[in-house]
Amino acid sequence: MSKSLKVTIAGISFDARFEEAAAPRTVAAFRALLPYTSKVVHVRWSGEGVWIPLGETDFGLGYENHTSYPAPGQFVLYPGGISETEILLAYGGVHFASKMGQLAGNHFITLTSNLDKLAEIGPKVLWDGAQDILFEEV
């Protein structure tokens, strides 16, 4: 039986799907880490998004299915280069960037449920600080 992807942010659970056809290497690299727990913080330059800073983490990835404009509910993984490695989730309008300028990340996960709750995430992270995030296959 195939497993479903579940993402929980600040106590709110979302069903999700991996974008396996469009970003197979990124999905495989991230799936190997599951279950994955971290914290999200609010973005500084990109607009309405939260991110997981990953520093010098090297997934051995290049670009695949990359975008600078993820839609709300889309996760992108920036594999590093001119800025640190990171995972970003758009909850509203995003133009993905860092202090080094525009970035593009690999769109590898899309939230598929509770999208009406997505807009709650950003203000909570902005005003209450870093929030827990959990990715798991169930």
Protein backbone atom coordinates (compact mmCIF):
# COMPACT_ATOMS: atom_id res chain seq x y z
CA MET A 1 0.00 0.00 0.00
CA SER A 2 1.39 3.42 -0.92
CA LYS A 3 1.86 5.94 1.85
CA SER A 4 0.45 9.46 1.98
CA LEU A 5 2.48 12.52 2.80
CA LYS A 6 1.38 14.61 5.78
CA VAL A 7 2.87 17.97 6.77
CA THR A 8 2.11 19.51 10.18
CA ILE A 9 3.03 23.15 10.78
CA ALA A 10 2.31 24.94 14.06
CA GLY A 11 -0.19 22.21 14.94
CA ILE A 12 -2.09 22.44 11.63
CA SER A 13 -2.04 19.27 9.51
CA PHE A 14 -2.05 19.26 5.72
CA ASP A 15 -2.22 16.40 3.25
CA ALA A 16 0.44 16.77 0.58
CA ARG A 17 1.93 15.09 -2.44
CA PHE A 18 5.45 14.71 -3.69
CA GLU A 19 6.04 16.08 -7.19
CA GLU A 20 7.82 12.88 -8.20
CA ALA A 21 7.42 13.21 -11.96
CA ALA A 22 8.69 16.80 -12.09
CA ALA A 23 11.42 16.63 -9.40
CA PRO A 24 12.41 12.98 -8.90
CA ARG A 25 15.93 13.60 -7.56
CA THR A 26 14.77 16.25 -5.09
CA VAL A 27 11.91 14.04 -3.88
CA ALA A 28 14.25 11.05 -3.44
CA ALA A 29 16.81 13.11 -1.48
CA PHE A 30 14.17 14.55 0.85
CA ARG A 31 12.19 11.32 1.23
CA ALA A 32 15.35 9.65 2.56
CA LEU A 33 15.16 12.04 5.56
CA LEU A 34 11.57 11.19 6.56
CA PRO A 35 10.18 11.61 9.09
CA TYR A 36 11.72 15.10 9.07
CA THR A 37 11.24 17.59 11.90
CA SER A 38 12.48 21.17 12.02
CA LYS A 39 11.34 24.74 12.65
CA VAL A 40 10.02 27.28 10.14
CA VAL A 41 10.80 30.98 10.41
CA HIS A 42 9.33 33.82 8.39
CA VAL A 43 11.13 34.79 5.19
CA ARG A 44 13.04 38.07 5.05
CA TRP A 45 13.16 38.97 1.35
CA SER A 46 10.70 36.71 -0.45
CA GLY A 47 7.25 37.94 0.62
CA GLU A 48 4.58 35.70 2.11
CA GLY A 49 6.50 32.55 2.95
CA VAL A 50 8.17 30.57 5.70
CA TRP A 51 11.45 28.74 5.39
CA ILE A 52 13.70 26.13 6.93
CA PRO A 53 17.33 27.33 6.88
CA LEU A 54 19.64 24.41 6.09
CA GLY A 55 23.03 26.20 6.03
CA GLU A 56 25.67 24.30 4.11
CA THR A 57 23.60 21.10 3.73
CA ASP A 58 24.49 19.53 0.39
CA PHE A 59 21.84 17.30 -1.13
CA GLY A 60 23.95 16.81 -4.25
CA LEU A 61 21.19 18.38 -6.35
CA GLY A 62 21.02 20.80 -9.21
CA TYR A 63 17.94 22.46 -10.55
CA GLU A 64 14.84 20.49 -11.56
CA ASN A 65 11.32 21.87 -11.75
CA HIS A 66 12.69 25.12 -10.32
CA THR A 67 10.80 28.36 -9.87
CA SER A 68 11.24 31.76 -8.28
CA TYR A 69 7.47 32.17 -7.90
CA PRO A 70 6.01 29.22 -5.96
CA ALA A 71 2.24 29.34 -5.53
CA PRO A 72 0.64 29.17 -2.07
CA GLY A 73 0.96 25.62 -0.77
CA GLN A 74 4.08 24.80 -2.79
CA PHE A 75 7.38 23.84 -1.16
CA VAL A 76 10.64 24.52 -2.97
CA LEU A 77 14.11 23.30 -2.05
CA TYR A 78 16.96 25.63 -2.94
CA PRO A 79 20.00 23.34 -3.32
CA GLY A 80 22.53 26.00 -2.35
CA GLY A 81 25.00 28.01 -4.36
CA ILE A 82 24.92 31.78 -4.00
CA SER A 83 22.90 31.53 -0.78
CA GLU A 84 22.43 28.88 1.88
CA THR A 85 20.45 25.69 1.27
CA GLU A 86 16.82 26.06 2.33
CA ILE A 87 13.26 24.83 2.02
CA LEU A 88 10.58 27.48 1.46
CA LEU A 89 6.80 27.24 1.68
CA ALA A 90 4.70 29.95 0.06
CA TYR A 91 1.54 30.87 2.00
CA GLY A 92 0.80 33.86 -0.24
CA GLY A 93 2.63 35.85 -2.90
CA VAL A 94 6.32 34.93 -3.12
CA HIS A 95 9.21 36.17 -5.26
CA PHE A 96 11.95 33.86 -3.96
CA ALA A 97 15.08 35.83 -3.08
CA SER A 98 17.91 36.31 -0.61
CA LYS A 99 20.28 39.17 0.17
CA MET A 100 22.23 37.90 -2.85
CA GLY A 101 19.24 38.46 -5.18
CA GLN A 102 16.65 36.29 -6.91
CA LEU A 103 16.77 32.54 -6.24
CA ALA A 104 15.00 29.54 -7.76
CA GLY A 105 14.09 26.40 -5.86
CA ASN A 106 12.96 22.94 -6.91
CA HIS A 107 9.19 22.60 -6.46
CA PHE A 108 8.96 19.14 -4.87
CA ILE A 109 5.94 19.10 -2.51
CA THR A 110 2.43 20.55 -2.87
CA LEU A 111 -0.11 20.82 -0.05
CA THR A 112 -3.47 19.31 -1.08
CA SER A 113 -5.79 19.87 1.90
CA ASN A 114 -6.68 22.55 4.44
CA LEU A 115 -5.45 25.26 2.08
CA ASP A 116 -7.88 27.65 3.79
CA LYS A 117 -5.69 27.26 6.92
CA LEU A 118 -2.48 28.11 5.06
CA ALA A 119 -2.88 31.88 5.51
CA GLU A 120 -2.81 31.36 9.32
CA ILE A 121 0.74 30.02 9.21
CA GLY A 122 2.52 33.20 8.10
CA PRO A 123 1.19 35.62 10.71
CA LYS A 124 1.65 33.01 13.45
CA VAL A 125 5.31 32.53 12.51
CA LEU A 126 5.85 36.27 12.05
CA TRP A 127 4.36 37.32 15.39
CA ASP A 128 4.92 34.26 17.59
CA GLY A 129 8.31 33.15 16.24
CA ALA A 130 9.67 29.87 14.88
CA GLN A 131 7.11 27.05 14.67
CA ASP A 132 7.48 23.27 14.50
CA ILE A 133 7.15 21.51 11.16
CA LEU A 134 6.92 17.75 10.61
CA PHE A 135 6.94 15.90 7.30
CA GLU A 136 5.89 12.24 7.51
CA GLU A 137 4.56 9.46 5.34
CA VAL A 138 1.50 7.85 6.92
